Amino acid sequence: WGSGIAAETWVSLVVGGLLAGVALCVVLIVTLLAVTVYRMAKAKRVKGWQAKTVSHDESVEVYFFQESLCSQKVLLLLAERGVKAKEHWLDIGHYGLWENVTDEYLAVHPNGVVPALVHE
């Protein structure tokens, strides 16, 4: 191997690194699954949900998360069309607030996703 380290040492280093990588992947997957289950339970997804009337102040209101690509598309469209909309910024877990699964927002969008438009 030229560097004075035995082949067995190289093999043990590689195998140890692979095992550590696999363990890290397992931890990440379990964490993502736990967050997903929590959000689904919190969002109270119910089959047969019927739309409810949501009170609003303006003729158009938009609920969004600034870093969401879908939210950015809706905001851009509203700006291009010159539609004045009252904006409600929501944290969807990025900053730890999880405002998209509060009872107030679930009244607007029962699946707890953004963006959401409320209009007359």
N, C-alpha and C. Protein backbone atom coordinates (compact mmCIF):
# COMPACT_ATOMS: atom_id res chain seq x y z
N TRP A 1 0.81 -1.19 0.00
CA TRP A 1 0.00 0.00 0.00
C TRP A 1 0.86 1.26 0.00
N GLY A 2 2.11 1.13 0.24
CA GLY A 2 3.05 2.21 0.08
C GLY A 2 3.15 3.18 1.23
N SER A 3 2.17 3.28 2.10
CA SER A 3 2.23 4.26 3.18
C SER A 3 2.57 3.61 4.50
N GLY A 4 2.83 2.34 4.50
CA GLY A 4 3.21 1.65 5.73
C GLY A 4 2.02 1.18 6.55
N ILE A 5 0.81 1.39 6.08
CA ILE A 5 -0.37 0.93 6.81
C ILE A 5 -0.82 -0.38 6.19
N ALA A 6 -1.07 -1.35 7.05
CA ALA A 6 -1.44 -2.68 6.57
C ALA A 6 -2.81 -2.65 5.90
N ALA A 7 -2.99 -3.60 4.98
CA ALA A 7 -4.25 -3.69 4.24
C ALA A 7 -5.42 -3.93 5.18
N GLU A 8 -5.19 -4.70 6.25
CA GLU A 8 -6.27 -4.97 7.20
C GLU A 8 -6.74 -3.69 7.88
N THR A 9 -5.81 -2.79 8.14
CA THR A 9 -6.16 -1.51 8.76
C THR A 9 -7.02 -0.69 7.82
N TRP A 10 -6.68 -0.64 6.55
CA TRP A 10 -7.48 0.09 5.57
C TRP A 10 -8.89 -0.49 5.47
N VAL A 11 -8.96 -1.80 5.44
CA VAL A 11 -10.26 -2.46 5.35
C VAL A 11 -11.11 -2.13 6.58
N SER A 12 -10.51 -2.18 7.77
CA SER A 12 -11.28 -1.90 8.98
C SER A 12 -11.73 -0.43 9.02
N LEU A 13 -10.90 0.48 8.51
CA LEU A 13 -11.29 1.89 8.46
C LEU A 13 -12.46 2.10 7.50
N VAL A 14 -12.41 1.46 6.34
CA VAL A 14 -13.48 1.60 5.35
C VAL A 14 -14.78 1.00 5.87
N VAL A 15 -14.71 -0.19 6.44
CA VAL A 15 -15.91 -0.85 6.96
C VAL A 15 -16.50 -0.03 8.11
N GLY A 16 -15.64 0.47 8.99
CA GLY A 16 -16.12 1.30 10.11
C GLY A 16 -16.82 2.56 9.61
N GLY A 17 -16.27 3.20 8.59
CA GLY A 17 -16.89 4.39 8.01
C GLY A 17 -18.23 4.08 7.37
N LEU A 18 -18.31 2.95 6.67
CA LEU A 18 -19.58 2.55 6.05
C LEU A 18 -20.65 2.28 7.09
N LEU A 19 -20.27 1.60 8.17
CA LEU A 19 -21.24 1.31 9.22
C LEU A 19 -21.73 2.59 9.89
N ALA A 20 -20.83 3.54 10.10
CA ALA A 20 -21.23 4.82 10.69
C ALA A 20 -22.18 5.56 9.76
N GLY A 21 -21.92 5.51 8.46
CA GLY A 21 -22.80 6.16 7.49
C GLY A 21 -24.17 5.53 7.46
N VAL A 22 -24.23 4.21 7.52
CA VAL A 22 -25.52 3.50 7.52
C VAL A 22 -26.30 3.85 8.79
N ALA A 23 -25.60 3.89 9.93
CA ALA A 23 -26.28 4.23 11.18
C ALA A 23 -26.86 5.64 11.12
N LEU A 24 -26.12 6.57 10.54
CA LEU A 24 -26.60 7.94 10.41
C LEU A 24 -27.83 8.00 9.51
N CYS A 25 -27.82 7.26 8.42
CA CYS A 25 -28.97 7.22 7.52
C CYS A 25 -30.20 6.66 8.22
N VAL A 26 -30.03 5.63 9.01
CA VAL A 26 -31.15 5.03 9.74
C VAL A 26 -31.74 6.05 10.71
N VAL A 27 -30.88 6.78 11.42
CA VAL A 27 -31.36 7.78 12.37
C VAL A 27 -32.14 8.87 11.63
N LEU A 28 -31.64 9.32 10.49
CA LEU A 28 -32.34 10.35 9.73
C LEU A 28 -33.69 9.87 9.21
N ILE A 29 -33.74 8.65 8.73
CA ILE A 29 -35.01 8.10 8.22
C ILE A 29 -36.03 7.96 9.33
N VAL A 30 -35.62 7.47 10.48
CA VAL A 30 -36.53 7.32 11.61
C VAL A 30 -37.04 8.69 12.06
N THR A 31 -36.16 9.68 12.08
CA THR A 31 -36.57 11.04 12.46
C THR A 31 -37.59 11.60 11.48
N LEU A 32 -37.34 11.44 10.18
CA LEU A 32 -38.28 11.93 9.18
C LEU A 32 -39.63 11.23 9.28
N LEU A 33 -39.61 9.93 9.52
CA LEU A 33 -40.87 9.21 9.69
C LEU A 33 -41.64 9.70 10.91
N ALA A 34 -40.94 9.95 12.00
CA ALA A 34 -41.59 10.43 13.22
C ALA A 34 -42.22 11.80 12.99
N VAL A 35 -41.52 12.69 12.30
CA VAL A 35 -42.06 14.02 12.01
C VAL A 35 -43.27 13.91 11.10
N THR A 36 -43.21 13.03 10.11
CA THR A 36 -44.33 12.86 9.18
C THR A 36 -45.57 12.33 9.91
N VAL A 37 -45.38 11.34 10.76
CA VAL A 37 -46.51 10.79 11.52
C VAL A 37 -47.10 11.85 12.43
N TYR A 38 -46.23 12.65 13.06
CA TYR A 38 -46.71 13.71 13.94
C TYR A 38 -47.54 14.72 13.16
N ARG A 39 -47.04 15.14 12.00
CA ARG A 39 -47.75 16.15 11.21
C ARG A 39 -49.07 15.60 10.69
N MET A 40 -49.11 14.34 10.29
CA MET A 40 -50.35 13.76 9.78
C MET A 40 -51.39 13.68 10.90
N ALA A 41 -50.95 13.30 12.08
CA ALA A 41 -51.88 13.21 13.20
C ALA A 41 -52.37 14.59 13.59
N LYS A 42 -51.47 15.56 13.58
CA LYS A 42 -51.81 16.92 13.97
C LYS A 42 -52.72 17.58 12.95
N ALA A 43 -52.55 17.25 11.68
CA ALA A 43 -53.34 17.88 10.64
C ALA A 43 -54.79 17.41 10.62
N LYS A 44 -55.09 16.35 11.34
CA LYS A 44 -56.46 15.84 11.47
C LYS A 44 -57.10 15.57 10.12
N ARG A 45 -56.40 14.83 9.30
CA ARG A 45 -56.93 14.53 7.97
C ARG A 45 -58.13 13.60 8.08
N VAL A 46 -59.22 14.03 7.54
CA VAL A 46 -60.46 13.28 7.66
C VAL A 46 -61.05 13.11 6.26
N LYS A 47 -61.41 11.88 5.91
CA LYS A 47 -62.07 11.65 4.63
C LYS A 47 -63.46 12.26 4.68
N GLY A 48 -63.86 12.78 3.54
CA GLY A 48 -65.18 13.37 3.46
C GLY A 48 -65.27 14.77 4.03
N TRP A 49 -64.12 15.45 4.16
CA TRP A 49 -64.10 16.80 4.70
C TRP A 49 -64.89 17.72 3.79
N GLN A 50 -65.67 18.59 4.39
CA GLN A 50 -66.45 19.57 3.64
C GLN A 50 -65.89 20.96 3.90
N ALA A 51 -65.86 21.78 2.87
CA ALA A 51 -65.34 23.14 2.99
C ALA A 51 -66.16 23.92 4.02
N LYS A 52 -65.45 24.73 4.81
CA LYS A 52 -66.10 25.57 5.80
C LYS A 52 -65.92 27.02 5.39
N THR A 53 -66.80 27.86 5.85
CA THR A 53 -66.66 29.28 5.60
C THR A 53 -65.66 29.84 6.59
N VAL A 54 -64.63 30.51 6.05
CA VAL A 54 -63.59 31.10 6.89
C VAL A 54 -63.75 32.61 6.81
N SER A 55 -63.86 33.24 7.97
CA SER A 55 -63.99 34.70 7.96
C SER A 55 -62.66 35.32 7.55
N HIS A 56 -62.75 36.40 6.77
CA HIS A 56 -61.54 37.08 6.34
C HIS A 56 -61.83 38.56 6.16
N ASP A 57 -60.75 39.36 6.28
CA ASP A 57 -60.90 40.82 6.26
C ASP A 57 -60.86 41.40 4.86
N GLU A 58 -60.00 40.87 4.01
CA GLU A 58 -59.80 41.40 2.67
C GLU A 58 -60.52 40.52 1.66
N SER A 59 -60.62 41.00 0.41
CA SER A 59 -61.26 40.19 -0.63
C SER A 59 -60.39 38.99 -1.00
N VAL A 60 -59.05 39.13 -0.88
CA VAL A 60 -58.13 38.02 -1.13
C VAL A 60 -57.10 37.99 -0.01
N GLU A 61 -56.91 36.82 0.57
CA GLU A 61 -55.87 36.63 1.58
C GLU A 61 -55.06 35.40 1.17
N VAL A 62 -53.76 35.48 1.37
CA VAL A 62 -52.88 34.37 1.00
C VAL A 62 -52.05 33.97 2.23
N TYR A 63 -52.05 32.69 2.50
CA TYR A 63 -51.24 32.11 3.57
C TYR A 63 -50.07 31.42 2.90
N PHE A 64 -48.85 31.72 3.35
CA PHE A 64 -47.68 31.20 2.64
C PHE A 64 -46.49 31.04 3.58
N PHE A 65 -45.50 30.29 3.09
CA PHE A 65 -44.18 30.20 3.72
C PHE A 65 -43.19 30.69 2.67
N GLN A 66 -42.44 31.72 2.98
CA GLN A 66 -41.61 32.41 2.00
C GLN A 66 -40.65 31.49 1.25
N GLU A 67 -40.13 30.45 1.90
CA GLU A 67 -39.14 29.58 1.27
C GLU A 67 -39.77 28.44 0.46
N SER A 68 -41.09 28.37 0.45
CA SER A 68 -41.78 27.34 -0.33
C SER A 68 -41.88 27.78 -1.78
N LEU A 69 -41.43 26.93 -2.69
CA LEU A 69 -41.48 27.26 -4.10
C LEU A 69 -42.93 27.47 -4.57
N CYS A 70 -43.83 26.64 -4.10
CA CYS A 70 -45.24 26.80 -4.49
C CYS A 70 -45.79 28.13 -3.98
N SER A 71 -45.42 28.53 -2.78
CA SER A 71 -45.86 29.83 -2.25
C SER A 71 -45.29 30.97 -3.09
N GLN A 72 -44.03 30.84 -3.49
CA GLN A 72 -43.41 31.88 -4.31
C GLN A 72 -44.12 32.03 -5.65
N LYS A 73 -44.55 30.93 -6.23
CA LYS A 73 -45.27 30.98 -7.50
C LYS A 73 -46.59 31.74 -7.35
N VAL A 74 -47.32 31.46 -6.29
CA VAL A 74 -48.61 32.12 -6.06
C VAL A 74 -48.39 33.61 -5.80
N LEU A 75 -47.41 33.96 -4.97
CA LEU A 75 -47.14 35.36 -4.69
C LEU A 75 -46.72 36.11 -5.94
N LEU A 76 -45.92 35.47 -6.79
CA LEU A 76 -45.49 36.08 -8.04
C LEU A 76 -46.68 36.32 -8.97
N LEU A 77 -47.55 35.34 -9.07
CA LEU A 77 -48.74 35.49 -9.91
C LEU A 77 -49.62 36.63 -9.42
N LEU A 78 -49.85 36.71 -8.12
CA LEU A 78 -50.66 37.79 -7.57
C LEU A 78 -50.02 39.15 -7.85
N ALA A 79 -48.70 39.23 -7.71
CA ALA A 79 -47.99 40.49 -7.97
C ALA A 79 -48.07 40.86 -9.45
N GLU A 80 -47.89 39.89 -10.34
CA GLU A 80 -47.94 40.17 -11.78
C GLU A 80 -49.32 40.64 -12.22
N ARG A 81 -50.36 40.10 -11.59
CA ARG A 81 -51.73 40.47 -11.94
C ARG A 81 -52.21 41.72 -11.20
N GLY A 82 -51.39 42.21 -10.27
CA GLY A 82 -51.76 43.41 -9.53
C GLY A 82 -52.85 43.18 -8.50
N VAL A 83 -53.00 41.96 -8.04
CA VAL A 83 -54.02 41.63 -7.05
C VAL A 83 -53.50 42.01 -5.67
N LYS A 84 -54.26 42.85 -4.98
CA LYS A 84 -53.91 43.22 -3.61
C LYS A 84 -54.43 42.13 -2.69
N ALA A 85 -53.52 41.54 -1.94
CA ALA A 85 -53.90 40.44 -1.05
C ALA A 85 -53.28 40.67 0.32
N LYS A 86 -54.03 40.35 1.34
CA LYS A 86 -53.48 40.38 2.68
C LYS A 86 -52.63 39.13 2.85
N GLU A 87 -51.38 39.32 3.27
CA GLU A 87 -50.45 38.20 3.37
C GLU A 87 -50.32 37.72 4.81
N HIS A 88 -50.35 36.40 4.97
CA HIS A 88 -50.16 35.76 6.27
C HIS A 88 -48.96 34.82 6.15
N TRP A 89 -47.83 35.22 6.73
CA TRP A 89 -46.64 34.37 6.70
C TRP A 89 -46.79 33.30 7.76
N LEU A 90 -46.57 32.05 7.37
CA LEU A 90 -46.65 30.92 8.30
C LEU A 90 -45.32 30.21 8.36
N ASP A 91 -44.96 29.72 9.55
CA ASP A 91 -43.79 28.85 9.67
C ASP A 91 -44.29 27.42 9.58
N ILE A 92 -43.76 26.65 8.64
CA ILE A 92 -44.20 25.27 8.45
C ILE A 92 -43.23 24.28 9.10
N GLY A 93 -42.60 24.72 10.17
CA GLY A 93 -41.69 23.84 10.90
C GLY A 93 -40.24 24.19 10.72
N HIS A 94 -39.93 25.05 9.75
CA HIS A 94 -38.54 25.40 9.48
C HIS A 94 -37.90 26.09 10.69
N TYR A 95 -38.65 26.92 11.36
CA TYR A 95 -38.16 27.64 12.53
C TYR A 95 -38.73 27.10 13.83
N GLY A 96 -39.40 25.97 13.77
CA GLY A 96 -39.89 25.30 14.96
C GLY A 96 -41.25 25.75 15.46
N LEU A 97 -41.96 26.59 14.71
CA LEU A 97 -43.26 27.08 15.17
C LEU A 97 -44.43 26.21 14.73
N TRP A 98 -44.34 25.55 13.59
CA TRP A 98 -45.39 24.66 13.07
C TRP A 98 -46.74 25.35 13.05
N GLU A 99 -46.80 26.57 12.52
CA GLU A 99 -48.06 27.30 12.47
C GLU A 99 -49.05 26.70 11.48
N ASN A 100 -48.59 25.83 10.60
CA ASN A 100 -49.48 25.24 9.61
C ASN A 100 -50.34 24.12 10.18
N VAL A 101 -50.10 23.71 11.42
CA VAL A 101 -50.92 22.66 12.02
C VAL A 101 -51.69 23.18 13.23
N THR A 102 -51.83 24.49 13.32
CA THR A 102 -52.66 25.05 14.38
C THR A 102 -54.13 24.92 13.97
N ASP A 103 -54.99 24.94 14.95
CA ASP A 103 -56.42 24.82 14.66
C ASP A 103 -56.92 25.97 13.78
N GLU A 104 -56.36 27.16 13.97
CA GLU A 104 -56.76 28.32 13.16
C GLU A 104 -56.44 28.09 11.68
N TYR A 105 -55.23 27.59 11.39
CA TYR A 105 -54.88 27.40 9.99
C TYR A 105 -55.56 26.17 9.41
N LEU A 106 -55.77 25.14 10.20
CA LEU A 106 -56.46 23.96 9.70
C LEU A 106 -57.90 24.28 9.31
N ALA A 107 -58.47 25.35 9.85
CA ALA A 107 -59.79 25.79 9.41
C ALA A 107 -59.72 26.37 8.00
N VAL A 108 -58.56 26.93 7.63
CA VAL A 108 -58.36 27.47 6.29
C VAL A 108 -58.03 26.36 5.31
N HIS A 109 -57.08 25.50 5.67
CA HIS A 109 -56.67 24.38 4.81
C HIS A 109 -56.53 23.13 5.67
N PRO A 110 -57.44 22.20 5.57
CA PRO A 110 -57.48 21.05 6.48
C PRO A 110 -56.27 20.13 6.39
N ASN A 111 -55.51 20.18 5.29
CA ASN A 111 -54.31 19.35 5.20
C ASN A 111 -53.09 20.04 5.75
N GLY A 112 -53.20 21.30 6.09
CA GLY A 112 -52.10 22.02 6.71
C GLY A 112 -50.95 22.36 5.78
N VAL A 113 -51.22 22.46 4.49
CA VAL A 113 -50.15 22.78 3.54
C VAL A 113 -50.29 24.22 3.06
N VAL A 114 -49.19 24.76 2.54
CA VAL A 114 -49.20 26.10 1.98
C VAL A 114 -48.82 26.02 0.50
N PRO A 115 -49.24 26.96 -0.30
CA PRO A 115 -50.01 28.15 0.01
C PRO A 115 -51.50 27.86 0.06
N ALA A 116 -52.22 28.83 0.60
CA ALA A 116 -53.68 28.75 0.60
C ALA A 116 -54.23 30.13 0.30
N LEU A 117 -55.26 30.17 -0.53
CA LEU A 117 -55.93 31.44 -0.85
C LEU A 117 -57.33 31.43 -0.26
N VAL A 118 -57.70 32.54 0.32
CA VAL A 118 -59.07 32.75 0.81
C VAL A 118 -59.60 33.94 0.04
N HIS A 119 -60.74 33.77 -0.62
CA HIS A 119 -61.30 34.86 -1.42
C HIS A 119 -62.81 34.83 -1.36
N GLU A 120 -63.39 35.92 -1.81
CA GLU A 120 -64.86 36.03 -1.80
C GLU A 120 -65.48 35.16 -2.86
